Amino acid sequence: MKWPTGVLVVLIALLQYPLWFGKGGWLKGREMERQLQAQREVNQKLEVRNAALDAEVRDLKTGYEAIEERARFELGLIKDGEVFVQVPQKQP
């Protein structure tokens, strides 16, 4: 009577192995869910960045204020009749 019980326990264990550790098992599914969530978070950050870049491109295409602001801050350009004043930073 003991050996049929042992055989049944071994058969159940063999049937459970693919469910837990197999190619499409529970542990693999959990790992894939975690990776999917991490990728969704990365995608969300990139979507926010892309939306900001898209808004900046639209602003540069349609308005002169954004172009003027970039010319002033990035290139150091000034308008006619303006005086450029630069205040030196104190050295530590």
PDB file of N, CA and C in Angstrom:
ATOM      1  N   MET A   1       0.813  -1.199   0.000  1.00  0.00           N
ATOM      2  CA  MET A   1       0.000   0.000   0.000  1.00  0.00           C
ATOM      3  C   MET A   1       0.851   1.255   0.000  1.00  0.00           C
ATOM      4  N   LYS A   2       2.105   1.173   0.447  1.00  0.00           N
ATOM      5  CA  LYS A   2       2.945   2.369   0.504  1.00  0.00           C
ATOM      6  C   LYS A   2       3.532   2.709  -0.859  1.00  0.00           C
ATOM      7  N   TRP A   3       3.841   1.741  -1.651  1.00  0.00           N
ATOM      8  CA  TRP A   3       4.471   2.078  -2.930  1.00  0.00           C
ATOM      9  C   TRP A   3       3.494   2.739  -3.906  1.00  0.00           C
ATOM     10  N   PRO A   4       2.193   2.412  -3.948  1.00  0.00           N
ATOM     11  CA  PRO A   4       1.299   3.167  -4.843  1.00  0.00           C
ATOM     12  C   PRO A   4       1.179   4.635  -4.437  1.00  0.00           C
ATOM     13  N   THR A   5       1.211   4.894  -3.153  1.00  0.00           N
ATOM     14  CA  THR A   5       1.151   6.282  -2.691  1.00  0.00           C
ATOM     15  C   THR A   5       2.403   7.033  -3.130  1.00  0.00           C
ATOM     16  N   GLY A   6       3.548   6.403  -2.995  1.00  0.00           N
ATOM     17  CA  GLY A   6       4.805   7.029  -3.433  1.00  0.00           C
ATOM     18  C   GLY A   6       4.816   7.280  -4.931  1.00  0.00           C
ATOM     19  N   VAL A   7       4.300   6.323  -5.706  1.00  0.00           N
ATOM     20  CA  VAL A   7       4.233   6.483  -7.164  1.00  0.00           C
ATOM     21  C   VAL A   7       3.311   7.648  -7.506  1.00  0.00           C
ATOM     22  N   LEU A   8       2.187   7.735  -6.843  1.00  0.00           N
ATOM     23  CA  LEU A   8       1.264   8.842  -7.105  1.00  0.00           C
ATOM     24  C   LEU A   8       1.871  10.193  -6.730  1.00  0.00           C
ATOM     25  N   VAL A   9       2.599  10.260  -5.645  1.00  0.00           N
ATOM     26  CA  VAL A   9       3.263  11.501  -5.244  1.00  0.00           C
ATOM     27  C   VAL A   9       4.305  11.894  -6.284  1.00  0.00           C
ATOM     28  N   VAL A  10       5.062  10.916  -6.773  1.00  0.00           N
ATOM     29  CA  VAL A  10       6.071  11.198  -7.808  1.00  0.00           C
ATOM     30  C   VAL A  10       5.390  11.655  -9.091  1.00  0.00           C
ATOM     31  N   LEU A  11       4.297  11.028  -9.484  1.00  0.00           N
ATOM     32  CA  LEU A  11       3.574  11.437 -10.695  1.00  0.00           C
ATOM     33  C   LEU A  11       3.027  12.857 -10.564  1.00  0.00           C
ATOM     34  N   ILE A  12       2.492  13.178  -9.409  1.00  0.00           N
ATOM     35  CA  ILE A  12       1.979  14.537  -9.188  1.00  0.00           C
ATOM     36  C   ILE A  12       3.121  15.538  -9.259  1.00  0.00           C
ATOM     37  N   ALA A  13       4.255  15.192  -8.665  1.00  0.00           N
ATOM     38  CA  ALA A  13       5.410  16.091  -8.710  1.00  0.00           C
ATOM     39  C   ALA A  13       5.890  16.285 -10.147  1.00  0.00           C
ATOM     40  N   LEU A  14       5.913  15.195 -10.936  1.00  0.00           N
ATOM     41  CA  LEU A  14       6.326  15.305 -12.340  1.00  0.00           C
ATOM     42  C   LEU A  14       5.356  16.151 -13.150  1.00  0.00           C
ATOM     43  N   LEU A  15       4.066  16.078 -12.819  1.00  0.00           N
ATOM     44  CA  LEU A  15       3.080  16.895 -13.523  1.00  0.00           C
ATOM     45  C   LEU A  15       3.159  18.363 -13.111  1.00  0.00           C
ATOM     46  N   GLN A  16       3.551  18.621 -11.888  1.00  0.00           N
ATOM     47  CA  GLN A  16       3.637  19.981 -11.394  1.00  0.00           C
ATOM     48  C   GLN A  16       4.900  20.701 -11.856  1.00  0.00           C
ATOM     49  N   TYR A  17       5.952  19.969 -12.151  1.00  0.00           N
ATOM     50  CA  TYR A  17       7.231  20.588 -12.513  1.00  0.00           C
ATOM     51  C   TYR A  17       7.096  21.562 -13.692  1.00  0.00           C
ATOM     52  N   PRO A  18       6.485  21.162 -14.822  1.00  0.00           N
ATOM     53  CA  PRO A  18       6.365  22.126 -15.933  1.00  0.00           C
ATOM     54  C   PRO A  18       5.521  23.349 -15.579  1.00  0.00           C
ATOM     55  N   LEU A  19       4.535  23.143 -14.711  1.00  0.00           N
ATOM     56  CA  LEU A  19       3.688  24.260 -14.317  1.00  0.00           C
ATOM     57  C   LEU A  19       4.491  25.332 -13.581  1.00  0.00           C
ATOM     58  N   TRP A  20       5.427  24.928 -12.753  1.00  0.00           N
ATOM     59  CA  TRP A  20       6.186  25.875 -11.950  1.00  0.00           C
ATOM     60  C   TRP A  20       7.477  26.317 -12.619  1.00  0.00           C
ATOM     61  N   PHE A  21       8.225  25.395 -13.211  1.00  0.00           N
ATOM     62  CA  PHE A  21       9.570  25.705 -13.695  1.00  0.00           C
ATOM     63  C   PHE A  21       9.736  25.574 -15.199  1.00  0.00           C
ATOM     64  N   GLY A  22       8.704  25.187 -15.922  1.00  0.00           N
ATOM     65  CA  GLY A  22       8.810  24.950 -17.361  1.00  0.00           C
ATOM     66  C   GLY A  22       8.925  26.242 -18.164  1.00  0.00           C
ATOM     67  N   LYS A  23       8.939  26.077 -19.481  1.00  0.00           N
ATOM     68  CA  LYS A  23       9.120  27.201 -20.407  1.00  0.00           C
ATOM     69  C   LYS A  23       8.026  28.269 -20.229  1.00  0.00           C
ATOM     70  N   GLY A  24       6.814  27.858 -20.056  1.00  0.00           N
ATOM     71  CA  GLY A  24       5.712  28.803 -19.860  1.00  0.00           C
ATOM     72  C   GLY A  24       5.167  28.730 -18.456  1.00  0.00           C
ATOM     73  N   GLY A  25       6.008  28.399 -17.507  1.00  0.00           N
ATOM     74  CA  GLY A  25       5.579  28.181 -16.144  1.00  0.00           C
ATOM     75  C   GLY A  25       5.275  29.463 -15.388  1.00  0.00           C
ATOM     76  N   TRP A  26       4.823  29.259 -14.169  1.00  0.00           N
ATOM     77  CA  TRP A  26       4.411  30.363 -13.312  1.00  0.00           C
ATOM     78  C   TRP A  26       5.566  31.311 -13.008  1.00  0.00           C
ATOM     79  N   LEU A  27       6.736  30.790 -12.720  1.00  0.00           N
ATOM     80  CA  LEU A  27       7.877  31.652 -12.391  1.00  0.00           C
ATOM     81  C   LEU A  27       8.312  32.488 -13.591  1.00  0.00           C
ATOM     82  N   LYS A  28       8.310  31.890 -14.772  1.00  0.00           N
ATOM     83  CA  LYS A  28       8.654  32.641 -15.988  1.00  0.00           C
ATOM     84  C   LYS A  28       7.618  33.729 -16.261  1.00  0.00           C
ATOM     85  N   GLY A  29       6.362  33.404 -16.014  1.00  0.00           N
ATOM     86  CA  GLY A  29       5.299  34.384 -16.221  1.00  0.00           C
ATOM     87  C   GLY A  29       5.446  35.584 -15.299  1.00  0.00           C
ATOM     88  N   ARG A  30       5.787  35.336 -14.045  1.00  0.00           N
ATOM     89  CA  ARG A  30       6.004  36.434 -13.100  1.00  0.00           C
ATOM     90  C   ARG A  30       7.183  37.304 -13.527  1.00  0.00           C
ATOM     91  N   GLU A  31       8.257  36.672 -13.982  1.00  0.00           N
ATOM     92  CA  GLU A  31       9.433  37.417 -14.436  1.00  0.00           C
ATOM     93  C   GLU A  31       9.084  38.279 -15.652  1.00  0.00           C
ATOM     94  N   MET A  32       8.322  37.713 -16.565  1.00  0.00           N
ATOM     95  CA  MET A  32       7.924  38.470 -17.757  1.00  0.00           C
ATOM     96  C   MET A  32       7.020  39.652 -17.390  1.00  0.00           C
ATOM     97  N   GLU A  33       6.130  39.465 -16.423  1.00  0.00           N
ATOM     98  CA  GLU A  33       5.274  40.562 -15.957  1.00  0.00           C
ATOM     99  C   GLU A  33       6.107  41.692 -15.370  1.00  0.00           C
ATOM    100  N   ARG A  34       7.137  41.331 -14.608  1.00  0.00           N
ATOM    101  CA  ARG A  34       8.005  42.349 -14.003  1.00  0.00           C
ATOM    102  C   ARG A  34       8.773  43.111 -15.083  1.00  0.00           C
ATOM    103  N   GLN A  35       9.279  42.383 -16.067  1.00  0.00           N
ATOM    104  CA  GLN A  35       9.999  43.039 -17.168  1.00  0.00           C
ATOM    105  C   GLN A  35       9.060  43.934 -17.967  1.00  0.00           C
ATOM    106  N   LEU A  36       7.835  43.485 -18.187  1.00  0.00           N
ATOM    107  CA  LEU A  36       6.857  44.273 -18.928  1.00  0.00           C
ATOM    108  C   LEU A  36       6.529  45.571 -18.192  1.00  0.00           C
ATOM    109  N   GLN A  37       6.363  45.496 -16.887  1.00  0.00           N
ATOM    110  CA  GLN A  37       6.077  46.696 -16.096  1.00  0.00           C
ATOM    111  C   GLN A  37       7.244  47.679 -16.151  1.00  0.00           C
ATOM    112  N   ALA A  38       8.466  47.165 -16.058  1.00  0.00           N
ATOM    113  CA  ALA A  38       9.637  48.041 -16.137  1.00  0.00           C
ATOM    114  C   ALA A  38       9.707  48.718 -17.501  1.00  0.00           C
ATOM    115  N   GLN A  39       9.417  47.991 -18.566  1.00  0.00           N
ATOM    116  CA  GLN A  39       9.449  48.571 -19.914  1.00  0.00           C
ATOM    117  C   GLN A  39       8.343  49.601 -20.091  1.00  0.00           C
ATOM    118  N   ARG A  40       7.188  49.361 -19.493  1.00  0.00           N
ATOM    119  CA  ARG A  40       6.099  50.351 -19.575  1.00  0.00           C
ATOM    120  C   ARG A  40       6.502  51.656 -18.891  1.00  0.00           C
ATOM    121  N   GLU A  41       7.194  51.566 -17.767  1.00  0.00           N
ATOM    122  CA  GLU A  41       7.650  52.772 -17.077  1.00  0.00           C
ATOM    123  C   GLU A  41       8.662  53.536 -17.927  1.00  0.00           C
ATOM    124  N   VAL A  42       9.580  52.816 -18.561  1.00  0.00           N
ATOM    125  CA  VAL A  42      10.558  53.459 -19.446  1.00  0.00           C
ATOM    126  C   VAL A  42       9.834  54.119 -20.613  1.00  0.00           C
ATOM    127  N   ASN A  43       8.874  53.426 -21.200  1.00  0.00           N
ATOM    128  CA  ASN A  43       8.122  53.983 -22.325  1.00  0.00           C
ATOM    129  C   ASN A  43       7.355  55.233 -21.928  1.00  0.00           C
ATOM    130  N   GLN A  44       6.798  55.237 -20.728  1.00  0.00           N
ATOM    131  CA  GLN A  44       6.053  56.413 -20.274  1.00  0.00           C
ATOM    132  C   GLN A  44       6.978  57.622 -20.143  1.00  0.00           C
ATOM    133  N   LYS A  45       8.165  57.428 -19.584  1.00  0.00           N
ATOM    134  CA  LYS A  45       9.128  58.526 -19.481  1.00  0.00           C
ATOM    135  C   LYS A  45       9.527  59.038 -20.860  1.00  0.00           C
ATOM    136  N   LEU A  46       9.728  58.115 -21.789  1.00  0.00           N
ATOM    137  CA  LEU A  46      10.107  58.520 -23.144  1.00  0.00           C
ATOM    138  C   LEU A  46       8.967  59.244 -23.851  1.00  0.00           C
ATOM    139  N   GLU A  47       7.725  58.842 -23.589  1.00  0.00           N
ATOM    140  CA  GLU A  47       6.589  59.536 -24.190  1.00  0.00           C
ATOM    141  C   GLU A  47       6.495  60.972 -23.686  1.00  0.00           C
ATOM    142  N   VAL A  48       6.755  61.179 -22.397  1.00  0.00           N
ATOM    143  CA  VAL A  48       6.739  62.539 -21.843  1.00  0.00           C
ATOM    144  C   VAL A  48       7.838  63.374 -22.493  1.00  0.00           C
ATOM    145  N   ARG A  49       9.037  62.789 -22.627  1.00  0.00           N
ATOM    146  CA  ARG A  49      10.143  63.510 -23.260  1.00  0.00           C
ATOM    147  C   ARG A  49       9.823  63.836 -24.714  1.00  0.00           C
ATOM    148  N   ASN A  50       9.232  62.872 -25.435  1.00  0.00           N
ATOM    149  CA  ASN A  50       8.890  63.098 -26.837  1.00  0.00           C
ATOM    150  C   ASN A  50       7.816  64.174 -26.981  1.00  0.00           C
ATOM    151  N   ALA A  51       6.867  64.199 -26.062  1.00  0.00           N
ATOM    152  CA  ALA A  51       5.827  65.233 -26.117  1.00  0.00           C
ATOM    153  C   ALA A  51       6.433  66.614 -25.909  1.00  0.00           C
ATOM    154  N   ALA A  52       7.392  66.720 -24.989  1.00  0.00           N
ATOM    155  CA  ALA A  52       8.055  68.010 -24.764  1.00  0.00           C
ATOM    156  C   ALA A  52       8.851  68.432 -25.988  1.00  0.00           C
ATOM    157  N   LEU A  53       9.557  67.489 -26.593  1.00  0.00           N
ATOM    158  CA  LEU A  53      10.321  67.817 -27.806  1.00  0.00           C
ATOM    159  C   LEU A  53       9.399  68.193 -28.950  1.00  0.00           C
ATOM    160  N   ASP A  54       8.261  67.511 -29.073  1.00  0.00           N
ATOM    161  CA  ASP A  54       7.301  67.824 -30.123  1.00  0.00           C
ATOM    162  C   ASP A  54       6.739  69.231 -29.933  1.00  0.00           C
ATOM    163  N   ALA A  55       6.431  69.582 -28.688  1.00  0.00           N
ATOM    164  CA  ALA A  55       5.920  70.933 -28.413  1.00  0.00           C
ATOM    165  C   ALA A  55       6.982  71.983 -28.741  1.00  0.00           C
ATOM    166  N   GLU A  56       8.223  71.694 -28.425  1.00  0.00           N
ATOM    167  CA  GLU A  56       9.298  72.640 -28.732  1.00  0.00           C
ATOM    168  C   GLU A  56       9.478  72.806 -30.235  1.00  0.00           C
ATOM    169  N   VAL A  57       9.393  71.718 -30.975  1.00  0.00           N
ATOM    170  CA  VAL A  57       9.520  71.794 -32.437  1.00  0.00           C
ATOM    171  C   VAL A  57       8.375  72.599 -33.029  1.00  0.00           C
ATOM    172  N   ARG A  58       7.138  72.340 -32.562  1.00  0.00           N
ATOM    173  CA  ARG A  58       5.996  73.117 -33.062  1.00  0.00           C
ATOM    174  C   ARG A  58       6.155  74.598 -32.740  1.00  0.00           C
ATOM    175  N   ASP A  59       6.668  74.901 -31.543  1.00  0.00           N
ATOM    176  CA  ASP A  59       6.868  76.292 -31.137  1.00  0.00           C
ATOM    177  C   ASP A  59       7.928  76.953 -32.011  1.00  0.00           C
ATOM    178  N   LEU A  60       8.994  76.221 -32.312  1.00  0.00           N
ATOM    179  CA  LEU A  60      10.048  76.795 -33.160  1.00  0.00           C
ATOM    180  C   LEU A  60       9.565  77.008 -34.591  1.00  0.00           C
ATOM    181  N   LYS A  61       8.665  76.157 -35.068  1.00  0.00           N
ATOM    182  CA  LYS A  61       8.158  76.291 -36.430  1.00  0.00           C
ATOM    183  C   LYS A  61       7.166  77.435 -36.562  1.00  0.00           C
ATOM    184  N   THR A  62       6.403  77.721 -35.496  1.00  0.00           N
ATOM    185  CA  THR A  62       5.313  78.687 -35.630  1.00  0.00           C
ATOM    186  C   THR A  62       5.608  80.045 -35.010  1.00  0.00           C
ATOM    187  N   GLY A  63       6.427  80.103 -33.982  1.00  0.00           N
ATOM    188  CA  GLY A  63       6.606  81.371 -33.293  1.00  0.00           C
ATOM    189  C   GLY A  63       8.042  81.841 -33.309  1.00  0.00           C
ATOM    190  N   TYR A  64       8.191  83.168 -33.320  1.00  0.00           N
ATOM    191  CA  TYR A  64       9.532  83.752 -33.330  1.00  0.00           C
ATOM    192  C   TYR A  64      10.088  83.924 -31.919  1.00  0.00           C
ATOM    193  N   GLU A  65       9.224  83.876 -30.917  1.00  0.00           N
ATOM    194  CA  GLU A  65       9.700  84.058 -29.548  1.00  0.00           C
ATOM    195  C   GLU A  65      10.648  82.936 -29.135  1.00  0.00           C
ATOM    196  N   ALA A  66      10.317  81.720 -29.496  1.00  0.00           N
ATOM    197  CA  ALA A  66      11.173  80.588 -29.128  1.00  0.00           C
ATOM    198  C   ALA A  66      12.512  80.657 -29.864  1.00  0.00           C
ATOM    199  N   ILE A  67      12.473  81.074 -31.113  1.00  0.00           N
ATOM    200  CA  ILE A  67      13.718  81.202 -31.879  1.00  0.00           C
ATOM    201  C   ILE A  67      14.585  82.300 -31.278  1.00  0.00           C
ATOM    202  N   GLU A  68      13.946  83.418 -30.913  1.00  0.00           N
ATOM    203  CA  GLU A  68      14.689  84.520 -30.305  1.00  0.00           C
ATOM    204  C   GLU A  68      15.291  84.091 -28.962  1.00  0.00           C
ATOM    205  N   GLU A  69      14.523  83.368 -28.175  1.00  0.00           N
ATOM    206  CA  GLU A  69      15.024  82.913 -26.876  1.00  0.00           C
ATOM    207  C   GLU A  69      16.228  81.988 -27.041  1.00  0.00           C
ATOM    208  N   ARG A  70      16.158  81.082 -27.990  1.00  0.00           N
ATOM    209  CA  ARG A  70      17.301  80.187 -28.234  1.00  0.00           C
ATOM    210  C   ARG A  70      18.515  80.966 -28.716  1.00  0.00           C
ATOM    211  N   ALA A  71      18.294  81.931 -29.586  1.00  0.00           N
ATOM    212  CA  ALA A  71      19.417  82.719 -30.094  1.00  0.00           C
ATOM    213  C   ALA A  71      20.082  83.500 -28.961  1.00  0.00           C
ATOM    214  N   ARG A  72      19.289  83.996 -28.036  1.00  0.00           N
ATOM    215  CA  ARG A  72      19.848  84.765 -26.924  1.00  0.00           C
ATOM    216  C   ARG A  72      20.641  83.884 -25.967  1.00  0.00           C
ATOM    217  N   PHE A  73      20.057  82.771 -25.549  1.00  0.00           N
ATOM    218  CA  PHE A  73      20.676  81.960 -24.506  1.00  0.00           C
ATOM    219  C   PHE A  73      21.745  81.012 -25.028  1.00  0.00           C
ATOM    220  N   GLU A  74      21.534  80.442 -26.194  1.00  0.00           N
ATOM    221  CA  GLU A  74      22.496  79.466 -26.696  1.00  0.00           C
ATOM    222  C   GLU A  74      23.606  80.104 -27.523  1.00  0.00           C
ATOM    223  N   LEU A  75      23.264  81.151 -28.269  1.00  0.00           N
ATOM    224  CA  LEU A  75      24.257  81.762 -29.154  1.00  0.00           C
ATOM    225  C   LEU A  75      24.758  83.116 -28.658  1.00  0.00           C
ATOM    226  N   GLY A  76      24.096  83.686 -27.662  1.00  0.00           N
ATOM    227  CA  GLY A  76      24.524  84.965 -27.114  1.00  0.00           C
ATOM    228  C   GLY A  76      24.233  86.149 -28.021  1.00  0.00           C
ATOM    229  N   LEU A  77      23.243  86.053 -28.883  1.00  0.00           N
ATOM    230  CA  LEU A  77      22.905  87.143 -29.800  1.00  0.00           C
ATOM    231  C   LEU A  77      22.059  88.197 -29.085  1.00  0.00           C
ATOM    232  N   ILE A  78      22.147  89.442 -29.580  1.00  0.00           N
ATOM    233  CA  ILE A  78      21.359  90.540 -29.025  1.00  0.00           C
ATOM    234  C   ILE A  78      20.688  91.282 -30.176  1.00  0.00           C
ATOM    235  N   LYS A  79      19.630  92.037 -29.857  1.00  0.00           N
ATOM    236  CA  LYS A  79      18.921  92.825 -30.871  1.00  0.00           C
ATOM    237  C   LYS A  79      19.640  94.144 -31.097  1.00  0.00           C
ATOM    238  N   ASP A  80      19.296  94.795 -32.179  1.00  0.00           N
ATOM    239  CA  ASP A  80      19.825  96.135 -32.441  1.00  0.00           C
ATOM    240  C   ASP A  80      19.318  97.081 -31.364  1.00  0.00           C
ATOM    241  N   GLY A  81      20.205  97.896 -30.844  1.00  0.00           N
ATOM    242  CA  GLY A  81      19.846  98.874 -29.831  1.00  0.00           C
ATOM    243  C   GLY A  81      19.926  98.334 -28.418  1.00  0.00           C
ATOM    244  N   GLU A  82      20.220  97.064 -28.228  1.00  0.00           N
ATOM    245  CA  GLU A  82      20.355  96.514 -26.885  1.00  0.00           C
ATOM    246  C   GLU A  82      21.817  96.554 -26.456  1.00  0.00           C
ATOM    247  N   VAL A  83      22.016  96.605 -25.170  1.00  0.00           N
ATOM    248  CA  VAL A  83      23.370  96.599 -24.620  1.00  0.00           C
ATOM    249  C   VAL A  83      23.551  95.291 -23.859  1.00  0.00           C
ATOM    250  N   PHE A  84      24.629  94.597 -24.169  1.00  0.00           N
ATOM    251  CA  PHE A  84      24.914  93.330 -23.508  1.00  0.00           C
ATOM    252  C   PHE A  84      25.785  93.577 -22.307  1.00  0.00           C
ATOM    253  N   VAL A  85      25.328  93.118 -21.133  1.00  0.00           N
ATOM    254  CA  VAL A  85      26.085  93.281 -19.899  1.00  0.00           C
ATOM    255  C   VAL A  85      26.339  91.888 -19.336  1.00  0.00           C
ATOM    256  N   GLN A  86      27.617  91.614 -19.080  1.00  0.00           N
ATOM    257  CA  GLN A  86      27.951  90.305 -18.516  1.00  0.00           C
ATOM    258  C   GLN A  86      28.575  90.518 -17.145  1.00  0.00           C
ATOM    259  N   VAL A  87      28.024  89.839 -16.145  1.00  0.00           N
ATOM    260  CA  VAL A  87      28.528  89.962 -14.774  1.00  0.00           C
ATOM    261  C   VAL A  87      29.404  88.737 -14.507  1.00  0.00           C
ATOM    262  N   PRO A  88      30.687  88.986 -14.203  1.00  0.00           N
ATOM    263  CA  PRO A  88      31.556  87.835 -13.952  1.00  0.00           C
ATOM    264  C   PRO A  88      31.209  87.139 -12.646  1.00  0.00           C
ATOM    265  N   GLN A  89      31.387  85.830 -12.629  1.00  0.00           N
ATOM    266  CA  GLN A  89      31.129  85.035 -11.419  1.00  0.00           C
ATOM    267  C   GLN A  89      32.344  85.118 -10.505  1.00  0.00           C
ATOM    268  N   LYS A  90      32.082  85.113  -9.204  1.00  0.00           N
ATOM    269  CA  LYS A  90      33.187  85.131  -8.243  1.00  0.00           C
ATOM    270  C   LYS A  90      33.851  83.766  -8.226  1.00  0.00           C
ATOM    271  N   GLN A  91      35.164  83.758  -8.185  1.00  0.00           N
ATOM    272  CA  GLN A  91      35.926  82.515  -8.109  1.00  0.00           C
ATOM    273  C   GLN A  91      35.973  82.054  -6.660  1.00  0.00           C
ATOM    274  N   PRO A  92      35.745  80.793  -6.377  1.00  0.00           N
ATOM    275  CA  PRO A  92      35.774  80.335  -4.972  1.00  0.00           C
ATOM    276  C   PRO A  92      37.173  80.321  -4.394  1.00  0.00           C
TER     277      PRO A  92
END
